Amino acid sequence: MDFHLIAFYVFAATMIAAALGVILARNPVYAVLALVLTFFSAACLWLLIDAEFLGIALVLVYVGAVMVLFLFVVMMLDINVAPLREGFIRYLPVGIAVAAVMLVQMLTLIGVMSGRAATGLSEVDPATAAGLSNLEWIGRTLFSAYLLPFEVAAVILTVALIAAMMLTLRRRPGTKHQDPSAQVRVRAADRLRMVSMPPTARRGTAEVPAEVDAAAQRNGEGQR
C-alpha cells in the first residue's frame, strides 16, 4: 500500500467523522464547522483522484457560498440565537482544531501530488485516455451518461430551497403583511370618506357648537 492510497483512506475517514459530527452536533456553530471540514475533506479526495475542477468547485461553491446559505436558513428559523452569540470565544478551540486538520490535509495532499508518478489512484486517467481536458470530460460525461441523476439532484435542491422558504413564511403576532389581491381590489370609497360635521367655535379651552355660543352671548346681552 503506497502513500497516496493511505492518504485516500485518511481523507475518507476524516470526511465520514466530520459528517457524523454535522448530524450529531446539537450546537449549530459546531455543526457548521464540521460541515466545512466535510466539504474540505471531500475536495481533497477529488484532488487526489485528479478531479481538479470538482475539488476547486467544492471549495469555492459549497464552502464559500452554500455555507452562507445554510447559516442564513438557520438564523431564519425559530432558534434562540442569543446564547450562541454570548461567549463566542468558546468556539475558538473547535475552530482552531478544524483549521489544523485542514492544514494537515493540505500538506498531505501537496506531498502526495508532488511525490507520486501516477495520475491518480487508477492506472488510466479517463480524461487523458479520451484526449480531453478534465473539465471537458466532466461536462460531456455529466450531461450524457449521468443526465438523469443530475436532473434529479437539481429537483431535490430546488424542493429543499422552497421548503426552507416556506419554513420562514409564518404568521407572527405584531407584524404587518401585504395582501396584493386586496390592494388590487381597492376602491376609491375605501380610501376616502366624506364626513359632515357641524361647525364649532373655540371658547376658552373647550370646544362648543356655534349655536350654543351664540345663545350664550344673547343671554349675556339681555342680562346687561
C-alpha atoms as a PDB file:
ATOM      1  CA  MET A   1       0.000   0.000   0.000  1.00  0.00           C
ATOM      2  CA  ASP A   2       1.607   3.243  -1.138  1.00  0.00           C
ATOM      3  CA  PHE A   3       1.398   6.671   0.457  1.00  0.00           C
ATOM      4  CA  HIS A   4      -1.312   8.172  -1.739  1.00  0.00           C
ATOM      5  CA  LEU A   5      -3.667   5.236  -1.015  1.00  0.00           C
ATOM      6  CA  ILE A   6      -3.106   5.729   2.720  1.00  0.00           C
ATOM      7  CA  ALA A   7      -3.882   9.426   2.267  1.00  0.00           C
ATOM      8  CA  PHE A   8      -7.086   8.474   0.455  1.00  0.00           C
ATOM      9  CA  TYR A   9      -8.262   6.368   3.391  1.00  0.00           C
ATOM     10  CA  VAL A  10      -7.304   9.106   5.874  1.00  0.00           C
ATOM     11  CA  PHE A  11      -9.225  11.759   3.933  1.00  0.00           C
ATOM     12  CA  ALA A  12     -12.245   9.445   3.633  1.00  0.00           C
ATOM     13  CA  ALA A  13     -12.219   8.632   7.356  1.00  0.00           C
ATOM     14  CA  THR A  14     -11.958  12.333   8.217  1.00  0.00           C
ATOM     15  CA  MET A  15     -14.858  13.164   5.930  1.00  0.00           C
ATOM     16  CA  ILE A  16     -17.061  10.452   7.459  1.00  0.00           C
ATOM     17  CA  ALA A  17     -16.220  11.565  11.006  1.00  0.00           C
ATOM     18  CA  ALA A  18     -16.937  15.206  10.157  1.00  0.00           C
ATOM     19  CA  ALA A  19     -20.239  14.244   8.503  1.00  0.00           C
ATOM     20  CA  LEU A  20     -21.268  12.378  11.645  1.00  0.00           C
ATOM     21  CA  GLY A  21     -20.348  15.500  13.617  1.00  0.00           C
ATOM     22  CA  VAL A  22     -22.727  17.538  11.458  1.00  0.00           C
ATOM     23  CA  ILE A  23     -25.581  15.162  12.265  1.00  0.00           C
ATOM     24  CA  LEU A  24     -24.845  14.590  15.943  1.00  0.00           C
ATOM     25  CA  ALA A  25     -23.832  18.114  16.997  1.00  0.00           C
ATOM     26  CA  ARG A  26     -26.541  19.881  18.994  1.00  0.00           C
ATOM     27  CA  ASN A  27     -24.930  23.292  18.585  1.00  0.00           C
ATOM     28  CA  PRO A  28     -25.433  24.871  15.121  1.00  0.00           C
ATOM     29  CA  VAL A  29     -21.995  26.506  15.216  1.00  0.00           C
ATOM     30  CA  TYR A  30     -20.278  23.161  15.811  1.00  0.00           C
ATOM     31  CA  ALA A  31     -22.360  21.606  13.030  1.00  0.00           C
ATOM     32  CA  VAL A  32     -21.313  24.344  10.600  1.00  0.00           C
ATOM     33  CA  LEU A  33     -17.627  23.897  11.458  1.00  0.00           C
ATOM     34  CA  ALA A  34     -17.945  20.140  10.974  1.00  0.00           C
ATOM     35  CA  LEU A  35     -19.665  20.706   7.637  1.00  0.00           C
ATOM     36  CA  VAL A  36     -16.796  22.910   6.477  1.00  0.00           C
ATOM     37  CA  LEU A  37     -14.365  20.114   7.338  1.00  0.00           C
ATOM     38  CA  THR A  38     -16.581  17.617   5.490  1.00  0.00           C
ATOM     39  CA  PHE A  39     -16.568  19.688   2.311  1.00  0.00           C
ATOM     40  CA  PHE A  40     -12.831  20.285   2.503  1.00  0.00           C
ATOM     41  CA  SER A  41     -12.093  16.578   3.019  1.00  0.00           C
ATOM     42  CA  ALA A  42     -14.275  15.726   0.018  1.00  0.00           C
ATOM     43  CA  ALA A  43     -12.375  18.318  -2.036  1.00  0.00           C
ATOM     44  CA  CYS A  44      -9.086  16.650  -1.039  1.00  0.00           C
ATOM     45  CA  LEU A  45     -10.462  13.333  -2.263  1.00  0.00           C
ATOM     46  CA  TRP A  46     -11.406  14.868  -5.603  1.00  0.00           C
ATOM     47  CA  LEU A  47      -7.956  16.388  -5.994  1.00  0.00           C
ATOM     48  CA  LEU A  48      -6.360  13.083  -5.045  1.00  0.00           C
ATOM     49  CA  ILE A  49      -8.023  11.293  -7.954  1.00  0.00           C
ATOM     50  CA  ASP A  50      -7.164  14.074 -10.446  1.00  0.00           C
ATOM     51  CA  ALA A  51     -10.607  15.708 -10.488  1.00  0.00           C
ATOM     52  CA  GLU A  52      -9.244  19.214 -10.047  1.00  0.00           C
ATOM     53  CA  PHE A  53     -12.334  21.036 -11.236  1.00  0.00           C
ATOM     54  CA  LEU A  54     -14.635  19.219  -8.817  1.00  0.00           C
ATOM     55  CA  GLY A  55     -12.261  19.823  -5.913  1.00  0.00           C
ATOM     56  CA  ILE A  56     -11.908  23.556  -6.571  1.00  0.00           C
ATOM     57  CA  ALA A  57     -15.650  23.929  -7.250  1.00  0.00           C
ATOM     58  CA  LEU A  58     -16.444  22.172  -3.986  1.00  0.00           C
ATOM     59  CA  VAL A  59     -14.288  24.605  -2.024  1.00  0.00           C
ATOM     60  CA  LEU A  60     -15.378  27.764  -3.850  1.00  0.00           C
ATOM     61  CA  VAL A  61     -19.088  26.996  -4.277  1.00  0.00           C
ATOM     62  CA  TYR A  62     -20.031  24.933  -1.248  1.00  0.00           C
ATOM     63  CA  VAL A  63     -17.653  26.254   1.399  1.00  0.00           C
ATOM     64  CA  GLY A  64     -17.830  29.814   0.075  1.00  0.00           C
ATOM     65  CA  ALA A  65     -21.497  30.152  -0.935  1.00  0.00           C
ATOM     66  CA  VAL A  66     -23.660  27.242   0.190  1.00  0.00           C
ATOM     67  CA  MET A  67     -22.390  27.512   3.758  1.00  0.00           C
ATOM     68  CA  VAL A  68     -23.565  31.129   3.840  1.00  0.00           C
ATOM     69  CA  LEU A  69     -26.990  29.957   2.650  1.00  0.00           C
ATOM     70  CA  PHE A  70     -27.088  27.316   5.365  1.00  0.00           C
ATOM     71  CA  LEU A  71     -26.267  29.909   8.026  1.00  0.00           C
ATOM     72  CA  PHE A  72     -28.963  32.227   6.644  1.00  0.00           C
ATOM     73  CA  VAL A  73     -31.583  29.475   6.836  1.00  0.00           C
ATOM     74  CA  VAL A  74     -30.505  28.524  10.361  1.00  0.00           C
ATOM     75  CA  MET A  75     -30.783  32.130  11.516  1.00  0.00           C
ATOM     76  CA  MET A  76     -34.241  32.475   9.929  1.00  0.00           C
ATOM     77  CA  LEU A  77     -35.658  29.520  11.848  1.00  0.00           C
ATOM     78  CA  ASP A  78     -37.157  29.768  15.336  1.00  0.00           C
ATOM     79  CA  ILE A  79     -33.863  29.167  17.113  1.00  0.00           C
ATOM     80  CA  ASN A  80     -32.798  31.143  20.146  1.00  0.00           C
ATOM     81  CA  VAL A  81     -29.557  32.574  18.806  1.00  0.00           C
ATOM     82  CA  ALA A  82     -28.911  34.809  21.807  1.00  0.00           C
ATOM     83  CA  PRO A  83     -26.997  32.085  23.734  1.00  0.00           C
ATOM     84  CA  LEU A  84     -24.966  31.392  20.578  1.00  0.00           C
ATOM     85  CA  ARG A  85     -23.760  34.997  20.438  1.00  0.00           C
ATOM     86  CA  GLU A  86     -22.796  35.036  24.092  1.00  0.00           C
ATOM     87  CA  GLY A  87     -19.280  33.863  24.807  1.00  0.00           C
ATOM     88  CA  PHE A  88     -18.315  33.382  21.179  1.00  0.00           C
ATOM     89  CA  ILE A  89     -14.711  32.814  22.273  1.00  0.00           C
ATOM     90  CA  ARG A  90     -15.648  29.340  23.482  1.00  0.00           C
ATOM     91  CA  TYR A  91     -15.964  28.204  19.858  1.00  0.00           C
ATOM     92  CA  LEU A  92     -12.361  29.222  19.152  1.00  0.00           C
ATOM     93  CA  PRO A  93     -10.767  25.869  20.175  1.00  0.00           C
ATOM     94  CA  VAL A  94     -13.050  23.945  17.828  1.00  0.00           C
ATOM     95  CA  GLY A  95     -12.332  26.386  15.021  1.00  0.00           C
ATOM     96  CA  ILE A  96      -8.592  26.084  15.598  1.00  0.00           C
ATOM     97  CA  ALA A  97      -8.862  22.277  15.601  1.00  0.00           C
ATOM     98  CA  VAL A  98     -10.765  22.305  12.294  1.00  0.00           C
ATOM     99  CA  ALA A  99      -8.232  24.690  10.777  1.00  0.00           C
ATOM    100  CA  ALA A 100      -5.356  22.489  11.975  1.00  0.00           C
ATOM    101  CA  VAL A 101      -6.901  19.386  10.411  1.00  0.00           C
ATOM    102  CA  MET A 102      -7.417  21.260   7.146  1.00  0.00           C
ATOM    103  CA  LEU A 103      -3.772  22.407   7.193  1.00  0.00           C
ATOM    104  CA  VAL A 104      -2.565  18.842   7.717  1.00  0.00           C
ATOM    105  CA  GLN A 105      -4.762  17.692   4.853  1.00  0.00           C
ATOM    106  CA  MET A 106      -3.350  20.362   2.550  1.00  0.00           C
ATOM    107  CA  LEU A 107       0.229  19.453   3.428  1.00  0.00           C
ATOM    108  CA  THR A 108      -0.512  15.763   2.932  1.00  0.00           C
ATOM    109  CA  LEU A 109      -2.157  16.465  -0.407  1.00  0.00           C
ATOM    110  CA  ILE A 110       0.813  18.548  -1.553  1.00  0.00           C
ATOM    111  CA  GLY A 111       3.178  15.718  -0.606  1.00  0.00           C
ATOM    112  CA  VAL A 112       1.060  13.135  -2.410  1.00  0.00           C
ATOM    113  CA  MET A 113       0.659  15.231  -5.561  1.00  0.00           C
ATOM    114  CA  SER A 114       4.380  16.056  -5.761  1.00  0.00           C
ATOM    115  CA  GLY A 115       5.730  12.616  -4.896  1.00  0.00           C
ATOM    116  CA  ARG A 116       3.607  10.250  -6.981  1.00  0.00           C
ATOM    117  CA  ALA A 117       4.250   9.335 -10.577  1.00  0.00           C
ATOM    118  CA  ALA A 118       0.819   8.006 -11.456  1.00  0.00           C
ATOM    119  CA  THR A 119      -2.039  10.260 -12.471  1.00  0.00           C
ATOM    120  CA  GLY A 120      -4.333   9.040  -9.724  1.00  0.00           C
ATOM    121  CA  LEU A 121      -5.494   6.028  -7.793  1.00  0.00           C
ATOM    122  CA  SER A 122      -6.498   4.366 -11.042  1.00  0.00           C
ATOM    123  CA  GLU A 123      -3.990   3.255 -13.634  1.00  0.00           C
ATOM    124  CA  VAL A 124      -5.621   5.154 -16.506  1.00  0.00           C
ATOM    125  CA  ASP A 125      -6.980   8.677 -16.316  1.00  0.00           C
ATOM    126  CA  PRO A 126     -10.274   8.648 -18.282  1.00  0.00           C
ATOM    127  CA  ALA A 127      -9.898  12.282 -19.353  1.00  0.00           C
ATOM    128  CA  THR A 128      -6.372  11.662 -20.678  1.00  0.00           C
ATOM    129  CA  ALA A 129      -7.445   8.427 -22.341  1.00  0.00           C
ATOM    130  CA  ALA A 130     -10.261  10.275 -24.136  1.00  0.00           C
ATOM    131  CA  GLY A 131      -7.897  13.041 -25.216  1.00  0.00           C
ATOM    132  CA  LEU A 132      -9.892  15.699 -23.353  1.00  0.00           C
ATOM    133  CA  SER A 133      -9.242  18.085 -20.521  1.00  0.00           C
ATOM    134  CA  ASN A 134     -10.583  17.347 -17.071  1.00  0.00           C
ATOM    135  CA  LEU A 135     -13.313  19.997 -17.328  1.00  0.00           C
ATOM    136  CA  GLU A 136     -14.414  18.968 -20.818  1.00  0.00           C
ATOM    137  CA  TRP A 137     -14.561  15.287 -19.889  1.00  0.00           C
ATOM    138  CA  ILE A 138     -16.651  16.028 -16.780  1.00  0.00           C
ATOM    139  CA  GLY A 139     -19.095  18.145 -18.799  1.00  0.00           C
ATOM    140  CA  ARG A 140     -19.605  15.539 -21.504  1.00  0.00           C
ATOM    141  CA  THR A 141     -19.954  12.688 -19.015  1.00  0.00           C
ATOM    142  CA  LEU A 142     -22.299  14.599 -16.720  1.00  0.00           C
ATOM    143  CA  PHE A 143     -24.712  15.695 -19.436  1.00  0.00           C
ATOM    144  CA  SER A 144     -24.694  12.447 -21.379  1.00  0.00           C
ATOM    145  CA  ALA A 145     -24.251   9.341 -19.223  1.00  0.00           C
ATOM    146  CA  TYR A 146     -25.459  10.886 -15.936  1.00  0.00           C
ATOM    147  CA  LEU A 147     -28.075  13.357 -17.157  1.00  0.00           C
ATOM    148  CA  LEU A 148     -30.973  11.794 -15.203  1.00  0.00           C
ATOM    149  CA  PRO A 149     -29.171  11.747 -11.805  1.00  0.00           C
ATOM    150  CA  PHE A 150     -28.093  15.338 -12.456  1.00  0.00           C
ATOM    151  CA  GLU A 151     -31.680  16.441 -13.079  1.00  0.00           C
ATOM    152  CA  VAL A 152     -32.926  14.533 -10.029  1.00  0.00           C
ATOM    153  CA  ALA A 153     -30.310  16.242  -7.850  1.00  0.00           C
ATOM    154  CA  ALA A 154     -31.386  19.632  -9.250  1.00  0.00           C
ATOM    155  CA  VAL A 155     -35.035  18.927  -8.419  1.00  0.00           C
ATOM    156  CA  ILE A 156     -34.122  17.811  -4.882  1.00  0.00           C
ATOM    157  CA  LEU A 157     -32.127  21.004  -4.286  1.00  0.00           C
ATOM    158  CA  THR A 158     -34.987  23.127  -5.638  1.00  0.00           C
ATOM    159  CA  VAL A 159     -37.506  21.410  -3.348  1.00  0.00           C
ATOM    160  CA  ALA A 160     -35.168  21.900  -0.393  1.00  0.00           C
ATOM    161  CA  LEU A 161     -34.854  25.614  -1.174  1.00  0.00           C
ATOM    162  CA  ILE A 162     -38.635  26.042  -1.459  1.00  0.00           C
ATOM    163  CA  ALA A 163     -39.152  24.143   1.804  1.00  0.00           C
ATOM    164  CA  ALA A 164     -36.641  26.399   3.569  1.00  0.00           C
ATOM    165  CA  MET A 165     -38.505  29.470   2.307  1.00  0.00           C
ATOM    166  CA  MET A 166     -41.863  28.049   3.439  1.00  0.00           C
ATOM    167  CA  LEU A 167     -40.467  27.472   6.934  1.00  0.00           C
ATOM    168  CA  THR A 168     -39.803  31.186   7.260  1.00  0.00           C
ATOM    169  CA  LEU A 169     -43.204  32.332   5.886  1.00  0.00           C
ATOM    170  CA  ARG A 170     -45.170  32.083   9.096  1.00  0.00           C
ATOM    171  CA  ARG A 171     -47.686  34.496  10.585  1.00  0.00           C
ATOM    172  CA  ARG A 172     -46.059  36.116  13.573  1.00  0.00           C
ATOM    173  CA  PRO A 173     -48.024  38.339  16.005  1.00  0.00           C
ATOM    174  CA  GLY A 174     -47.283  42.025  15.790  1.00  0.00           C
ATOM    175  CA  THR A 175     -46.075  42.010  12.188  1.00  0.00           C
ATOM    176  CA  LYS A 176     -47.714  43.626   9.166  1.00  0.00           C
ATOM    177  CA  HIS A 177     -48.178  41.764   5.896  1.00  0.00           C
ATOM    178  CA  GLN A 178     -49.234  42.944   2.478  1.00  0.00           C
ATOM    179  CA  ASP A 179     -52.093  41.351   0.564  1.00  0.00           C
ATOM    180  CA  PRO A 180     -51.593  42.148  -3.148  1.00  0.00           C
ATOM    181  CA  SER A 181     -55.028  40.786  -4.121  1.00  0.00           C
ATOM    182  CA  ALA A 182     -56.740  43.085  -1.618  1.00  0.00           C
ATOM    183  CA  GLN A 183     -54.682  46.027  -2.864  1.00  0.00           C
ATOM    184  CA  VAL A 184     -55.798  45.391  -6.444  1.00  0.00           C
ATOM    185  CA  ARG A 185     -59.475  45.197  -5.462  1.00  0.00           C
ATOM    186  CA  VAL A 186     -59.410  48.510  -3.576  1.00  0.00           C
ATOM    187  CA  ARG A 187     -61.956  51.222  -4.492  1.00  0.00           C
ATOM    188  CA  ALA A 188     -61.907  54.979  -4.105  1.00  0.00           C
ATOM    189  CA  ALA A 189     -64.641  54.792  -1.459  1.00  0.00           C
ATOM    190  CA  ASP A 190     -62.385  52.549   0.626  1.00  0.00           C
ATOM    191  CA  ARG A 191     -59.615  55.120   0.568  1.00  0.00           C
ATOM    192  CA  LEU A 192     -61.562  58.361   1.176  1.00  0.00           C
ATOM    193  CA  ARG A 193     -64.734  59.015   3.186  1.00  0.00           C
ATOM    194  CA  MET A 194     -66.514  62.402   3.412  1.00  0.00           C
ATOM    195  CA  VAL A 195     -67.844  63.201   6.902  1.00  0.00           C
ATOM    196  CA  SER A 196     -70.305  66.046   7.620  1.00  0.00           C
ATOM    197  CA  MET A 197     -69.684  67.752  10.976  1.00  0.00           C
ATOM    198  CA  PRO A 198     -71.338  70.879  12.445  1.00  0.00           C
ATOM    199  CA  PRO A 199     -69.062  73.918  12.740  1.00  0.00           C
ATOM    200  CA  THR A 200     -67.658  74.559  16.187  1.00  0.00           C
ATOM    201  CA  ALA A 201     -66.160  77.631  17.821  1.00  0.00           C
ATOM    202  CA  ARG A 202     -63.406  77.513  20.391  1.00  0.00           C
ATOM    203  CA  ARG A 203     -64.269  79.339  23.609  1.00  0.00           C
ATOM    204  CA  GLY A 204     -61.677  79.230  26.311  1.00  0.00           C
ATOM    205  CA  THR A 205     -60.216  75.745  26.386  1.00  0.00           C
ATOM    206  CA  ALA A 206     -63.406  73.844  25.498  1.00  0.00           C
ATOM    207  CA  GLU A 207     -64.990  73.443  22.084  1.00  0.00           C
ATOM    208  CA  VAL A 208     -68.719  74.286  21.974  1.00  0.00           C
ATOM    209  CA  PRO A 209     -71.089  74.352  18.964  1.00  0.00           C
ATOM    210  CA  ALA A 210     -71.632  77.727  17.322  1.00  0.00           C
ATOM    211  CA  GLU A 211     -75.375  77.708  18.123  1.00  0.00           C
ATOM    212  CA  VAL A 212     -74.714  77.267  21.850  1.00  0.00           C
ATOM    213  CA  ASP A 213     -72.087  80.028  21.813  1.00  0.00           C
ATOM    214  CA  ALA A 214     -74.471  82.457  20.066  1.00  0.00           C
ATOM    215  CA  ALA A 215     -77.271  81.701  22.559  1.00  0.00           C
ATOM    216  CA  ALA A 216     -74.921  82.349  25.465  1.00  0.00           C
ATOM    217  CA  GLN A 217     -73.921  85.691  24.026  1.00  0.00           C
ATOM    218  CA  ARG A 218     -77.579  86.752  23.602  1.00  0.00           C
ATOM    219  CA  ASN A 219     -78.383  85.784  27.202  1.00  0.00           C
ATOM    220  CA  GLY A 220     -75.483  87.842  28.442  1.00  0.00           C
ATOM    221  CA  GLU A 221     -76.600  90.898  26.477  1.00  0.00           C
ATOM    222  CA  GLY A 222     -80.216  90.576  27.810  1.00  0.00           C
ATOM    223  CA  GLN A 223     -78.975  90.474  31.418  1.00  0.00           C
ATOM    224  CA  ARG A 224     -76.955  93.603  30.855  1.00  0.00           C
END
